[in-house]
Amino acid sequence: MSFPEREWMSCSTGSAYRKDFRALLGLLRGGQIHPVVAERLPLPEARRAHKLLEHSAETGKLVLVPAGAQGAG
């Protein structure tokens, strides 16, 4: 691993990562960013989700939803 890669990895972990994640959540809550969700799938359908990712040109994210959570299916 080259030096620049190590430097990037260390910056993307720990407190720097938490700071960026909090900023991202703030943008999301404030309606400043709008992630595109292609499909929500129940967690037991993770295998299907992987196949969709491999064979689909669909735009958007696939979200795996745990049992009992809102948004599954």
C-alpha atoms as a PDB file:
ATOM      1  CA  MET A   1       0.000   0.000   0.000  1.00  0.00           C
ATOM      2  CA  SER A   2       1.478   3.348  -0.973  1.00  0.00           C
ATOM      3  CA  PHE A   3       1.853   6.214   1.463  1.00  0.00           C
ATOM      4  CA  PRO A   4      -1.004   8.359   0.037  1.00  0.00           C
ATOM      5  CA  GLU A   5      -3.386   5.391   0.377  1.00  0.00           C
ATOM      6  CA  ARG A   6      -2.415   4.872   4.035  1.00  0.00           C
ATOM      7  CA  GLU A   7      -2.867   8.579   4.718  1.00  0.00           C
ATOM      8  CA  TRP A   8      -6.334   8.540   3.140  1.00  0.00           C
ATOM      9  CA  MET A   9      -7.330   5.445   5.102  1.00  0.00           C
ATOM     10  CA  SER A  10      -6.255   6.938   8.420  1.00  0.00           C
ATOM     11  CA  CYS A  11      -8.190  10.118   7.657  1.00  0.00           C
ATOM     12  CA  SER A  12     -11.343   8.188   6.808  1.00  0.00           C
ATOM     13  CA  THR A  13     -11.472   6.375  10.129  1.00  0.00           C
ATOM     14  CA  GLY A  14     -12.014   7.437  13.692  1.00  0.00           C
ATOM     15  CA  SER A  15     -12.924  11.009  14.523  1.00  0.00           C
ATOM     16  CA  ALA A  16     -12.594  12.287  10.933  1.00  0.00           C
ATOM     17  CA  TYR A  17     -15.062   9.667   9.750  1.00  0.00           C
ATOM     18  CA  ARG A  18     -17.541  10.490  12.541  1.00  0.00           C
ATOM     19  CA  LYS A  19     -17.298  14.198  11.751  1.00  0.00           C
ATOM     20  CA  ASP A  20     -17.999  13.581   8.049  1.00  0.00           C
ATOM     21  CA  PHE A  21     -20.841  11.187   8.881  1.00  0.00           C
ATOM     22  CA  ARG A  22     -22.491  13.760  11.184  1.00  0.00           C
ATOM     23  CA  ALA A  23     -22.202  16.377   8.430  1.00  0.00           C
ATOM     24  CA  LEU A  24     -23.757  13.967   5.928  1.00  0.00           C
ATOM     25  CA  LEU A  25     -26.665  13.212   8.277  1.00  0.00           C
ATOM     26  CA  GLY A  26     -27.198  16.948   8.761  1.00  0.00           C
ATOM     27  CA  LEU A  27     -27.456  17.455   5.011  1.00  0.00           C
ATOM     28  CA  LEU A  28     -29.877  14.552   4.743  1.00  0.00           C
ATOM     29  CA  ARG A  29     -32.077  15.788   7.602  1.00  0.00           C
ATOM     30  CA  GLY A  30     -32.019  19.309   6.191  1.00  0.00           C
ATOM     31  CA  GLY A  31     -33.256  18.099   2.821  1.00  0.00           C
ATOM     32  CA  GLN A  32     -30.109  19.330   1.078  1.00  0.00           C
ATOM     33  CA  ILE A  33     -29.296  15.925  -0.397  1.00  0.00           C
ATOM     34  CA  HIS A  34     -31.693  13.339  -1.795  1.00  0.00           C
ATOM     35  CA  PRO A  35     -30.315   9.815  -2.127  1.00  0.00           C
ATOM     36  CA  VAL A  36     -31.873   7.790  -4.922  1.00  0.00           C
ATOM     37  CA  VAL A  37     -33.221   4.471  -3.640  1.00  0.00           C
ATOM     38  CA  ALA A  38     -33.983   2.012  -6.413  1.00  0.00           C
ATOM     39  CA  GLU A  39     -35.479  -0.662  -4.179  1.00  0.00           C
ATOM     40  CA  ARG A  40     -35.936  -1.674  -0.545  1.00  0.00           C
ATOM     41  CA  LEU A  41     -35.593  -5.376   0.137  1.00  0.00           C
ATOM     42  CA  PRO A  42     -36.102  -7.413   3.308  1.00  0.00           C
ATOM     43  CA  LEU A  43     -32.780  -8.480   4.818  1.00  0.00           C
ATOM     44  CA  PRO A  44     -33.366 -12.179   4.059  1.00  0.00           C
ATOM     45  CA  GLU A  45     -33.280 -11.213   0.345  1.00  0.00           C
ATOM     46  CA  ALA A  46     -29.628 -10.128   0.533  1.00  0.00           C
ATOM     47  CA  ARG A  47     -28.661 -12.763  -2.038  1.00  0.00           C
ATOM     48  CA  ARG A  48     -31.193 -11.287  -4.481  1.00  0.00           C
ATOM     49  CA  ALA A  49     -29.837  -7.813  -3.773  1.00  0.00           C
ATOM     50  CA  HIS A  50     -26.333  -8.934  -4.725  1.00  0.00           C
ATOM     51  CA  LYS A  51     -27.621 -10.431  -7.953  1.00  0.00           C
ATOM     52  CA  LEU A  52     -29.457  -7.214  -8.761  1.00  0.00           C
ATOM     53  CA  LEU A  53     -26.267  -5.238  -8.199  1.00  0.00           C
ATOM     54  CA  GLU A  54     -24.275  -7.558 -10.447  1.00  0.00           C
ATOM     55  CA  HIS A  55     -26.742  -7.668 -13.326  1.00  0.00           C
ATOM     56  CA  SER A  56     -28.566  -4.377 -13.217  1.00  0.00           C
ATOM     57  CA  ALA A  57     -27.821  -0.999 -14.701  1.00  0.00           C
ATOM     58  CA  GLU A  58     -30.510   0.465 -12.460  1.00  0.00           C
ATOM     59  CA  THR A  59     -29.810   3.850 -10.941  1.00  0.00           C
ATOM     60  CA  GLY A  60     -30.029   4.182  -7.197  1.00  0.00           C
ATOM     61  CA  LYS A  61     -29.172   2.290  -4.085  1.00  0.00           C
ATOM     62  CA  LEU A  62     -30.517  -1.004  -2.865  1.00  0.00           C
ATOM     63  CA  VAL A  63     -31.488  -0.867   0.808  1.00  0.00           C
ATOM     64  CA  LEU A  64     -31.668  -4.005   2.939  1.00  0.00           C
ATOM     65  CA  VAL A  65     -34.260  -3.582   5.680  1.00  0.00           C
ATOM     66  CA  PRO A  66     -34.181  -5.689   8.871  1.00  0.00           C
ATOM     67  CA  ALA A  67     -37.304  -7.665   9.849  1.00  0.00           C
ATOM     68  CA  GLY A  68     -39.858  -5.516  11.628  1.00  0.00           C
ATOM     69  CA  ALA A  69     -38.479  -2.239  10.269  1.00  0.00           C
ATOM     70  CA  GLN A  70     -40.553   0.105   8.136  1.00  0.00           C
ATOM     71  CA  GLY A  71     -39.943   0.134   4.413  1.00  0.00           C
ATOM     72  CA  ALA A  72     -39.392  -3.548   3.725  1.00  0.00           C
ATOM     73  CA  GLY A  73     -40.925  -4.808   0.523  1.00  0.00           C
END
